[in-house]
Protein backbone atom coordinates (compact mmCIF):
# COMPACT_ATOMS: atom_id res chain seq x y z
CA MET A 1 82.03 -78.35 -83.09
CA LYS A 2 85.41 -76.63 -83.35
CA VAL A 3 87.17 -79.92 -82.67
CA LEU A 4 84.99 -81.68 -85.26
CA ASP A 5 85.62 -78.95 -87.86
CA ARG A 6 89.33 -79.20 -87.27
CA LEU A 7 89.20 -82.98 -87.70
CA LYS A 8 87.13 -82.64 -90.89
CA GLY A 9 89.61 -80.14 -92.35
CA THR A 10 92.57 -82.45 -91.86
CA SER A 11 93.16 -84.44 -95.03
CA ALA A 12 95.12 -87.09 -93.17
CA VAL A 13 92.05 -88.16 -91.22
CA PRO A 14 89.40 -90.10 -93.16
CA ARG A 15 85.71 -89.31 -92.49
CA THR A 16 85.11 -92.81 -91.09
CA ARG A 17 87.91 -92.29 -88.61
CA VAL A 18 86.44 -88.91 -87.67
CA SER A 19 83.19 -90.63 -86.75
CA ALA A 20 85.06 -93.27 -84.79
CA LEU A 21 87.05 -90.63 -82.93
CA VAL A 22 83.93 -88.63 -82.08
CA CYS A 23 82.07 -91.72 -80.87
CA GLY A 24 85.08 -92.78 -78.85
CA ALA A 25 85.34 -89.34 -77.27
CA LEU A 26 81.65 -89.35 -76.36
CA LEU A 27 81.95 -92.85 -74.88
CA ALA A 28 84.97 -91.79 -72.84
CA LEU A 29 83.08 -88.78 -71.51
CA ALA A 30 80.17 -91.02 -70.61
CA LEU A 31 82.44 -93.47 -68.80
CA VAL A 32 84.11 -90.65 -66.90
CA GLY A 33 80.70 -89.34 -65.96
CA ILE A 34 79.49 -92.58 -64.39
CA PRO A 35 81.31 -92.25 -61.07
CA HIS A 36 80.39 -88.57 -60.97
CA ALA A 37 76.72 -89.44 -61.43
CA ALA A 38 76.90 -91.98 -58.59
CA HIS A 39 78.58 -89.38 -56.41
CA GLY A 40 75.87 -86.93 -57.41
CA ASP A 41 73.17 -89.33 -56.23
CA ASN A 42 74.97 -89.60 -52.89
CA GLU A 43 75.25 -85.82 -52.64
CA ASP A 44 71.55 -85.47 -53.48
CA ALA A 45 70.72 -87.85 -50.63
CA ARG A 46 72.77 -85.87 -48.14
CA GLN A 47 71.24 -82.62 -49.35
CA ILE A 48 67.77 -84.05 -48.75
CA LEU A 49 68.77 -85.05 -45.21
CA ASP A 50 70.28 -81.60 -44.60
CA ARG A 51 67.09 -79.92 -45.79
CA MET A 52 65.01 -82.22 -43.61
CA ARG A 53 67.05 -81.33 -40.53
CA ALA A 54 66.96 -77.63 -41.41
CA ALA A 55 63.17 -77.72 -41.70
CA TYR A 56 62.86 -78.97 -38.11
CA GLU A 57 65.71 -76.90 -36.69
CA LYS A 58 64.37 -73.65 -38.15
CA ALA A 59 60.82 -74.25 -36.92
CA LYS A 60 59.65 -71.72 -34.35
CA THR A 61 57.06 -74.23 -33.14
CA TYR A 62 56.32 -77.88 -33.84
CA SER A 63 53.53 -80.28 -33.00
CA GLY A 64 53.13 -83.84 -34.16
CA LYS A 65 52.74 -87.51 -33.26
CA LEU A 66 54.96 -90.57 -33.49
CA SER A 67 53.45 -94.05 -33.40
CA GLY A 68 54.48 -97.63 -33.95
CA VAL A 69 55.26 -100.86 -32.14
CA ARG A 70 58.24 -101.35 -29.83
CA GLY A 71 58.94 -104.53 -27.90
CA GLY A 72 55.62 -105.97 -29.02
CA LYS A 73 53.68 -103.00 -27.60
CA ALA A 74 51.97 -100.24 -29.56
CA PHE A 75 52.78 -96.68 -28.56
CA THR A 76 51.81 -93.12 -29.44
CA ARG A 77 53.99 -90.13 -28.56
CA ALA A 78 52.59 -86.61 -28.89
CA VAL A 79 55.20 -83.85 -29.08
CA LYS A 80 54.88 -80.07 -28.78
CA TYR A 81 57.83 -77.70 -29.03
CA VAL A 82 58.43 -73.95 -28.98
CA ALA A 83 61.89 -72.57 -29.78
CA ASN A 84 63.34 -70.15 -27.25
CA PRO A 85 66.33 -68.11 -28.48
CA LYS A 86 66.98 -66.82 -24.95
CA GLY A 87 67.12 -70.18 -23.17
CA PRO A 88 65.87 -73.79 -23.09
CA ALA A 89 63.06 -74.56 -25.50
CA LEU A 90 59.54 -75.26 -24.27
CA TYR A 91 58.86 -78.93 -24.78
CA ARG A 92 56.09 -81.40 -24.01
CA LEU A 93 56.06 -85.14 -24.63
CA MET A 94 53.18 -87.44 -23.75
CA GLU A 95 53.55 -91.13 -24.47
CA THR A 96 50.88 -93.79 -24.08
CA GLY A 97 51.56 -97.50 -24.39
CA LEU A 98 55.08 -98.90 -24.05
CA TYR A 99 56.54 -96.82 -21.17
CA GLY A 100 53.73 -94.35 -20.58
CA ARG A 101 55.13 -91.00 -19.48
CA ILE A 102 54.70 -87.24 -19.52
CA PHE A 103 57.66 -84.91 -19.83
CA VAL A 104 57.00 -81.17 -19.68
CA GLN A 105 59.57 -78.40 -19.77
CA ASP A 106 59.28 -74.63 -19.72
CA ASP A 107 62.13 -72.12 -19.38
CA LYS A 108 62.39 -72.69 -15.60
CA THR A 109 61.51 -76.31 -14.74
CA ALA A 110 61.41 -79.77 -16.30
CA VAL A 111 58.95 -82.35 -14.95
CA ASN A 112 59.04 -86.08 -15.62
CA HIS A 113 56.13 -88.34 -14.68
CA TRP A 114 55.91 -92.08 -15.41
CA LEU A 115 52.21 -92.89 -15.65
CA SER A 116 52.64 -96.15 -13.73
CA GLU A 117 54.02 -94.24 -10.72
CA LYS A 118 52.33 -92.17 -8.02
CA SER A 119 55.02 -89.52 -8.18
CA TYR A 120 56.84 -87.15 -10.50
CA SER A 121 60.27 -85.53 -10.39
CA LYS A 122 61.52 -82.02 -11.14
CA SER A 123 64.84 -80.88 -12.57
CA ARG A 124 66.39 -77.93 -14.33
CA PRO A 125 65.39 -77.52 -17.98
CA ASP A 126 67.92 -78.57 -20.57
CA LYS A 127 68.59 -77.88 -24.24
CA VAL A 128 66.25 -79.67 -26.63
CA ASN A 129 67.39 -80.95 -30.02
CA LEU A 130 64.09 -81.44 -31.82
CA VAL A 131 65.61 -83.62 -34.55
CA SER A 132 67.04 -86.03 -31.96
CA MET A 133 63.91 -85.98 -29.78
CA LEU A 134 61.89 -87.05 -32.82
CA GLU A 135 64.38 -89.91 -33.44
CA LEU A 136 65.39 -88.46 -36.79
CA ASP A 137 69.14 -88.53 -36.11
CA PRO A 138 69.50 -92.12 -34.89
CA VAL A 139 72.43 -93.32 -37.02
CA PRO A 140 75.88 -92.71 -35.49
CA HIS A 141 78.75 -91.71 -37.77
CA GLU A 142 76.39 -90.91 -40.63
CA ALA A 143 79.24 -89.25 -42.56
CA GLU A 144 80.87 -92.68 -42.83
CA MET A 145 77.66 -94.42 -43.94
CA ILE A 146 76.41 -95.07 -47.47
CA VAL A 147 73.55 -92.67 -48.18
CA LYS A 148 71.51 -92.96 -51.36
CA VAL A 149 68.21 -91.92 -52.89
CA LEU A 150 65.74 -94.65 -53.80
CA PRO A 151 62.71 -94.20 -56.09
CA ASP A 152 59.99 -91.90 -54.75
CA ALA A 153 57.10 -93.41 -52.80
CA GLN A 154 53.55 -92.44 -51.90
CA VAL A 155 52.92 -92.11 -48.14
CA ASP A 156 49.48 -91.08 -46.93
CA GLY A 157 48.76 -89.42 -50.27
CA LYS A 158 52.03 -87.48 -50.27
CA THR A 159 54.98 -87.95 -52.63
CA ALA A 160 58.07 -88.71 -50.60
CA TYR A 161 61.80 -88.84 -51.14
CA VAL A 162 63.13 -92.21 -50.02
CA VAL A 163 66.62 -92.03 -48.51
CA GLU A 164 68.49 -95.12 -47.32
CA ILE A 165 71.37 -94.97 -44.83
CA SER A 166 73.39 -98.18 -44.58
CA PRO A 167 76.77 -99.38 -43.24
CA PRO A 168 79.78 -99.14 -45.58
CA GLY A 169 81.60 -102.15 -47.00
CA ASN A 170 80.06 -105.59 -46.64
CA PRO A 171 78.63 -105.72 -43.10
CA ASP A 172 77.42 -108.95 -41.58
CA PRO A 173 73.61 -109.46 -41.63
CA VAL A 174 73.17 -108.42 -38.00
CA THR A 175 75.09 -105.16 -38.46
CA ALA A 176 73.22 -104.39 -41.67
CA ARG A 177 69.85 -105.09 -40.02
CA ASN A 178 70.58 -103.00 -36.93
CA ASN A 179 72.12 -100.04 -38.77
CA THR A 180 70.24 -99.70 -42.07
CA LEU A 181 67.56 -97.04 -41.92
CA THR A 182 65.14 -95.79 -44.59
CA LEU A 183 63.49 -92.37 -44.26
CA PHE A 184 60.41 -91.27 -46.20
CA ILE A 185 60.53 -87.46 -46.49
CA ASP A 186 57.73 -85.26 -47.84
CA LYS A 187 59.01 -83.61 -51.03
CA GLN A 188 57.04 -80.43 -50.35
CA THR A 189 57.69 -79.76 -46.65
CA TYR A 190 60.72 -81.98 -45.90
CA MET A 191 58.81 -83.41 -42.93
CA VAL A 192 59.54 -87.06 -42.23
CA LEU A 193 56.49 -89.23 -42.84
CA ARG A 194 57.94 -92.58 -41.84
CA THR A 195 61.19 -94.23 -40.77
CA GLN A 196 61.91 -97.90 -41.17
CA TRP A 197 64.82 -99.96 -39.87
CA ALA A 198 65.83 -103.09 -41.75
CA SER A 199 65.10 -105.00 -38.54
CA GLY A 200 61.40 -104.22 -39.08
CA VAL A 201 60.93 -101.39 -36.55
CA THR A 202 58.79 -98.72 -38.21
CA THR A 203 57.79 -95.31 -36.83
CA TYR A 204 54.96 -93.26 -38.34
CA TYR A 205 54.77 -89.45 -38.13
CA SER A 206 51.40 -87.70 -38.34
CA ASP A 207 49.53 -84.47 -37.53
CA GLN A 208 52.76 -82.51 -38.00
CA LYS A 209 52.70 -78.70 -38.06
CA PHE A 210 55.44 -76.10 -38.22
CA ASP A 211 55.05 -72.61 -36.78
CA ALA A 212 51.44 -73.01 -35.61
CA PRO A 213 50.62 -71.19 -32.32
CA ILE A 214 50.92 -73.33 -29.17
CA PRO A 215 49.58 -71.87 -25.90
CA ALA A 216 51.99 -71.58 -22.96
CA SER A 217 49.58 -73.65 -20.86
CA GLU A 218 50.67 -76.75 -22.80
CA PHE A 219 54.02 -76.56 -21.01
CA LYS A 220 52.63 -76.46 -17.46
CA PHE A 221 52.30 -79.70 -15.52
CA THR A 222 49.25 -80.24 -13.32
CA PRO A 223 49.76 -83.33 -11.13
CA PRO A 224 46.92 -85.86 -11.28
CA ALA A 225 45.10 -86.55 -8.03
CA GLY A 226 47.21 -88.64 -5.64
CA VAL A 227 50.50 -88.00 -7.47
CA TYR A 228 53.21 -86.29 -5.40
CA ASP A 229 56.51 -84.52 -6.06
CA SER A 230 59.32 -86.99 -5.29
CA SER A 231 61.91 -84.22 -5.46
CA ALA A 232 60.22 -82.29 -2.61
CA PRO A 233 61.15 -82.84 1.07
CA PRO A 234 59.41 -85.95 2.44
CA LYS A 235 56.04 -85.47 4.08
CA VAL A 236 55.29 -88.75 5.80
CA ALA A 237 52.45 -89.45 8.18
CA PRO A 238 53.64 -90.51 11.70
CA ASP A 239 52.21 -94.01 11.27
CA ARG A 240 53.98 -94.58 7.93
CA PRO A 241 57.56 -95.87 7.62
CA ALA A 242 59.81 -92.87 6.94
CA GLY A 243 62.09 -94.56 4.48
CA PRO A 244 63.70 -97.91 3.64
CA PRO A 245 64.77 -100.45 6.26
CA SER A 246 67.79 -99.53 8.34
CA ILE A 247 71.21 -100.59 7.07
CA PRO A 248 72.92 -103.44 8.96
CA ALA A 249 76.01 -102.50 10.97
CA ASN A 250 78.24 -104.62 8.74
CA PRO A 251 76.48 -105.20 5.42
CA VAL A 252 77.89 -107.75 2.99
CA PRO A 253 79.82 -105.91 0.24
CA LEU A 254 78.03 -105.89 -3.09
CA SER A 255 81.03 -107.45 -4.85
CA LYS A 256 80.66 -110.54 -2.65
CA LEU A 257 76.87 -110.60 -2.56
CA ILE A 258 76.52 -110.52 -6.33
CA LYS A 259 78.43 -113.81 -6.60
CA ARG A 260 75.67 -115.58 -4.65
CA GLY A 261 72.82 -114.58 -6.95
CA LYS A 262 70.72 -111.68 -8.18
CA VAL A 263 70.77 -108.41 -6.23
CA THR A 264 67.89 -105.93 -6.40
CA PHE A 265 68.03 -102.18 -5.73
CA SER A 266 64.57 -100.65 -5.26
CA ALA A 267 63.80 -96.95 -5.63
CA TRP A 268 62.31 -95.06 -2.70
CA ALA A 269 60.55 -91.71 -2.82
CA ASN A 270 58.75 -89.79 -0.09
CA GLY A 271 59.23 -92.63 2.36
CA GLN A 272 57.70 -95.23 0.07
CA LYS A 273 59.06 -97.93 -2.21
CA VAL A 274 58.04 -97.20 -5.81
CA ASN A 275 57.76 -99.48 -8.83
CA ASN A 276 61.24 -98.74 -10.12
CA LYS A 277 64.18 -101.08 -9.55
CA ILE A 278 67.49 -102.36 -10.89
CA VAL A 279 68.25 -106.08 -10.80
CA LEU A 280 71.90 -107.15 -11.13
CA SER A 281 72.74 -110.73 -12.14
CA PRO A 282 76.00 -112.62 -11.46
CA ASP A 283 76.64 -112.95 -15.23
CA GLY A 284 77.22 -109.19 -15.56
CA THR A 285 73.80 -108.30 -16.95
CA PHE A 286 71.09 -106.12 -15.43
CA VAL A 287 67.45 -105.16 -15.93
CA HIS A 288 66.22 -101.64 -15.09
CA PHE A 289 62.47 -101.75 -14.44
CA GLN A 290 60.47 -98.53 -14.73
CA GLY A 291 56.93 -99.62 -14.06
CA ASP A 292 56.30 -102.90 -15.87
CA ILE A 293 58.85 -102.22 -18.61
CA GLY A 294 62.39 -103.55 -18.19
CA GLU A 295 65.43 -102.35 -20.16
CA ARG A 296 68.38 -104.74 -20.30
CA GLY A 297 72.10 -104.14 -20.45
CA THR A 298 75.46 -105.02 -18.93
CA TYR A 299 77.24 -103.65 -15.87
CA GLU A 300 80.71 -103.43 -14.31
CA LEU A 301 81.66 -102.88 -10.67
CA ASP A 302 84.55 -100.45 -10.22
CA GLY A 303 85.10 -99.70 -6.55
CA ASP A 304 82.28 -97.40 -5.49
CA ARG A 305 81.07 -97.03 -9.08
CA LEU A 306 78.50 -99.09 -10.94
CA VAL A 307 78.80 -98.62 -14.71
CA LEU A 308 75.60 -99.47 -16.60
CA THR A 309 75.64 -99.94 -20.38
CA LYS A 310 72.44 -100.05 -22.46
CA GLY A 311 73.34 -100.09 -26.15
CA ALA A 312 75.23 -96.85 -26.84
CA LEU A 313 74.16 -95.31 -23.49
CA VAL A 314 76.70 -95.59 -20.65
CA THR A 315 75.89 -94.17 -17.19
CA VAL A 316 78.01 -94.19 -14.05
CA TRP A 317 76.13 -94.69 -10.78
CA THR A 318 77.57 -94.25 -7.27
CA LEU A 319 77.55 -96.92 -4.57
CA GLN A 320 77.51 -95.91 -0.91
CA LYS A 321 77.56 -97.66 2.46
CA ASN A 322 79.22 -100.86 1.30
CA GLY A 323 77.01 -101.11 -1.77
CA THR A 324 73.66 -100.84 0.01
CA VAL A 325 72.74 -97.45 -1.48
CA LEU A 326 72.82 -96.66 -5.21
CA LEU A 327 72.70 -93.09 -6.53
CA PRO A 328 72.06 -92.24 -10.23
CA PRO A 329 74.17 -89.74 -12.17
CA VAL A 330 73.31 -86.10 -11.53
CA GLY A 331 70.75 -84.76 -13.99
CA LEU A 332 69.53 -88.15 -15.28
CA ASN A 333 65.87 -87.33 -15.93
CA GLY A 334 63.17 -89.83 -15.06
CA VAL A 335 65.26 -91.68 -12.46
CA TYR A 336 64.65 -91.60 -8.74
CA LYS A 337 67.31 -90.09 -6.52
CA THR A 338 67.99 -93.07 -4.25
CA TYR A 339 67.93 -96.85 -4.69
CA TRP A 340 68.32 -99.14 -1.68
CA ARG A 341 69.46 -102.73 -1.74
CA ASP A 342 66.62 -105.11 -0.87
């Protein structure tokens, strides 16, 4: 008003021009505010994501279920988690459909059991990032992505924020489809209710609870009947083969053998071949079968190293005895200790 009063009191400025100047000033302010508003929307989106992560990261306990369809197969994954400020968190994952596995971890031991196998493996417990384990941090380089808030949506009777994360610039259709993710986040609890990739892969979250008591017994693994510990010393009956076939005196090097056709490495545990294998093809691709499910990728031979690449995951395996024995990286959960060339 002080500016307007000053303009009104100036005889050299007609009233009509005063109105024009005021309108022009307001329009200029509005135009200046447009980019700021767009930036504000972006900041709001990132704040929602930060609050979502904080809700999970601050939880003392968590229980919930993930479900959806992957590779044409329906799956359900039940998760239980208890934070442990003095060491590794207590964590339990049970998945049916798709891969079918149980992973249980307390503060001393982690156990991994593929339901299609007659064995399980033990390892040292590791740190658990609940947000990542729930697949809620799946977009790399999020700081470089375009993040925006879309109109609210109703999900299972709850009002949800809708946040879209997409590649910057003008990505090609494949990049946009593989890297554009939409999250539906409960406005009251900041729990994720659903995630949806532009490629059509959707994950549903249900039965979620923060800070509800979870008994310690949930994090103890009781082996089903007939399932043995593959990480224990072998206990083989005298009439049962005590391991894979003997290695020839002069085996054909893997680098030469692979040029002739596919090469298969089968996993052995407790003196028995198990349903877990890696098949290398001459074209530089491989399939890693765990039960009936096969994950595909590419590989490179580098001396006594076999480098396997599956999407963003790169693991370095060790070849021994002229490429007849294959050892996984140390600490790779859910993978048998020794693979032998068929």
